[in-house]
């Protein structure tokens, strides 16, 4: 159903997807379905990131400060829904 892709370029986001930057110190770019934004577990992760870091980031996109493996685990569970 959903696709999670790590992307090294800044372009090429397919329709219905969005790019997010994930990581604690070094950020990696992932392309995820926008439908993930409606999932309560994804919204919880965004709320934690906003509370701790805000949303004003130099990356120019949605940045989630968490361990990469935590993000991958969450999106893996969302794909199975």
C-alpha atoms as a PDB file:
ATOM      1  CA  UNK A   1       0.000   0.000   0.000  1.00  0.00           C
ATOM      2  CA  UNK A   2       2.371   2.763   1.181  1.00  0.00           C
ATOM      3  CA  UNK A   3       5.888   3.299  -0.018  1.00  0.00           C
ATOM      4  CA  UNK A   4       8.858   4.395   2.023  1.00  0.00           C
ATOM      5  CA  UNK A   5      11.881   5.435   0.048  1.00  0.00           C
ATOM      6  CA  UNK A   6      15.117   6.976   1.117  1.00  0.00           C
ATOM      7  CA  UNK A   7      16.012   9.621  -1.413  1.00  0.00           C
ATOM      8  CA  UNK A   8      19.297  11.415  -1.825  1.00  0.00           C
ATOM      9  CA  UNK A   9      18.038  14.077  -4.205  1.00  0.00           C
ATOM     10  CA  UNK A  10      15.883  17.072  -3.477  1.00  0.00           C
ATOM     11  CA  UNK A  11      13.469  16.566  -6.394  1.00  0.00           C
ATOM     12  CA  UNK A  12      11.367  13.756  -7.701  1.00  0.00           C
ATOM     13  CA  UNK A  13       8.582  13.528  -5.150  1.00  0.00           C
ATOM     14  CA  UNK A  14       5.745  11.577  -6.770  1.00  0.00           C
ATOM     15  CA  UNK A  15       2.183  12.859  -6.623  1.00  0.00           C
ATOM     16  CA  UNK A  16       0.517  11.846  -3.361  1.00  0.00           C
ATOM     17  CA  UNK A  17       3.818  11.733  -1.465  1.00  0.00           C
ATOM     18  CA  UNK A  18       5.888  14.147   0.579  1.00  0.00           C
ATOM     19  CA  UNK A  19       9.527  14.373   1.529  1.00  0.00           C
ATOM     20  CA  UNK A  20      10.535  14.306   5.186  1.00  0.00           C
ATOM     21  CA  UNK A  21      13.965  14.645   6.745  1.00  0.00           C
ATOM     22  CA  UNK A  22      14.631  12.197   9.566  1.00  0.00           C
ATOM     23  CA  UNK A  23      17.458  11.904  12.045  1.00  0.00           C
ATOM     24  CA  UNK A  24      18.960  13.238  15.213  1.00  0.00           C
ATOM     25  CA  UNK A  25      22.149  14.835  13.924  1.00  0.00           C
ATOM     26  CA  UNK A  26      22.537  13.845  10.269  1.00  0.00           C
ATOM     27  CA  UNK A  27      19.219  14.060   8.426  1.00  0.00           C
ATOM     28  CA  UNK A  28      18.201  11.577   5.744  1.00  0.00           C
ATOM     29  CA  UNK A  29      15.466  12.337   3.247  1.00  0.00           C
ATOM     30  CA  UNK A  30      12.544   9.927   2.920  1.00  0.00           C
ATOM     31  CA  UNK A  31       9.559  10.052   0.583  1.00  0.00           C
ATOM     32  CA  UNK A  32       6.335   8.833   2.193  1.00  0.00           C
ATOM     33  CA  UNK A  33       2.670   8.777   1.164  1.00  0.00           C
ATOM     34  CA  UNK A  34       0.767  11.851   2.354  1.00  0.00           C
ATOM     35  CA  UNK A  35      -1.814   9.440   3.805  1.00  0.00           C
ATOM     36  CA  UNK A  36       0.677   8.800   6.644  1.00  0.00           C
ATOM     37  CA  UNK A  37       0.040  12.361   7.831  1.00  0.00           C
ATOM     38  CA  UNK A  38      -3.482  11.307   8.862  1.00  0.00           C
ATOM     39  CA  UNK A  39      -2.336   8.323  10.937  1.00  0.00           C
ATOM     40  CA  UNK A  40      -2.492   8.889  14.727  1.00  0.00           C
ATOM     41  CA  UNK A  41       0.925   7.278  15.338  1.00  0.00           C
ATOM     42  CA  UNK A  42       2.561   9.515  12.699  1.00  0.00           C
ATOM     43  CA  UNK A  43       0.795  12.563  14.128  1.00  0.00           C
ATOM     44  CA  UNK A  44       2.139  11.635  17.585  1.00  0.00           C
ATOM     45  CA  UNK A  45       5.666  11.562  16.181  1.00  0.00           C
ATOM     46  CA  UNK A  46       5.125  14.971  14.544  1.00  0.00           C
ATOM     47  CA  UNK A  47       3.711  16.417  17.776  1.00  0.00           C
ATOM     48  CA  UNK A  48       6.747  15.213  19.746  1.00  0.00           C
ATOM     49  CA  UNK A  49       9.093  16.726  17.161  1.00  0.00           C
ATOM     50  CA  UNK A  50       7.196  20.020  17.211  1.00  0.00           C
ATOM     51  CA  UNK A  51       7.163  20.168  21.006  1.00  0.00           C
ATOM     52  CA  UNK A  52      10.859  19.501  21.299  1.00  0.00           C
ATOM     53  CA  UNK A  53      12.250  21.274  18.223  1.00  0.00           C
ATOM     54  CA  UNK A  54       9.514  23.327  16.553  1.00  0.00           C
ATOM     55  CA  UNK A  55       9.046  23.350  12.798  1.00  0.00           C
ATOM     56  CA  UNK A  56      11.494  26.082  11.772  1.00  0.00           C
ATOM     57  CA  UNK A  57      14.262  24.055  10.147  1.00  0.00           C
ATOM     58  CA  UNK A  58      16.949  24.999   7.627  1.00  0.00           C
ATOM     59  CA  UNK A  59      16.271  21.856   5.551  1.00  0.00           C
ATOM     60  CA  UNK A  60      13.304  23.608   3.957  1.00  0.00           C
ATOM     61  CA  UNK A  61      10.998  20.660   4.545  1.00  0.00           C
ATOM     62  CA  UNK A  62       9.278  18.664   7.228  1.00  0.00           C
ATOM     63  CA  UNK A  63      11.974  17.547   9.662  1.00  0.00           C
ATOM     64  CA  UNK A  64      11.447  14.850  12.267  1.00  0.00           C
ATOM     65  CA  UNK A  65      14.066  14.598  14.988  1.00  0.00           C
ATOM     66  CA  UNK A  66      14.105  10.926  15.896  1.00  0.00           C
ATOM     67  CA  UNK A  67      16.291   7.905  15.315  1.00  0.00           C
ATOM     68  CA  UNK A  68      16.076   6.647  11.763  1.00  0.00           C
ATOM     69  CA  UNK A  69      15.254   3.099  12.883  1.00  0.00           C
ATOM     70  CA  UNK A  70      12.287   4.380  14.959  1.00  0.00           C
ATOM     71  CA  UNK A  71      10.927   6.180  11.875  1.00  0.00           C
ATOM     72  CA  UNK A  72      11.409   3.115   9.662  1.00  0.00           C
ATOM     73  CA  UNK A  73       9.684   0.893  12.238  1.00  0.00           C
ATOM     74  CA  UNK A  74       6.711   3.270  12.423  1.00  0.00           C
ATOM     75  CA  UNK A  75       6.324   3.553   8.655  1.00  0.00           C
ATOM     76  CA  UNK A  76       6.652  -0.239   8.298  1.00  0.00           C
ATOM     77  CA  UNK A  77       3.691  -0.655  10.627  1.00  0.00           C
ATOM     78  CA  UNK A  78       1.717   1.984   8.701  1.00  0.00           C
ATOM     79  CA  UNK A  79       2.332   0.134   5.420  1.00  0.00           C
ATOM     80  CA  UNK A  80       0.601  -2.937   6.873  1.00  0.00           C
ATOM     81  CA  UNK A  81      -2.602  -1.018   7.660  1.00  0.00           C
END
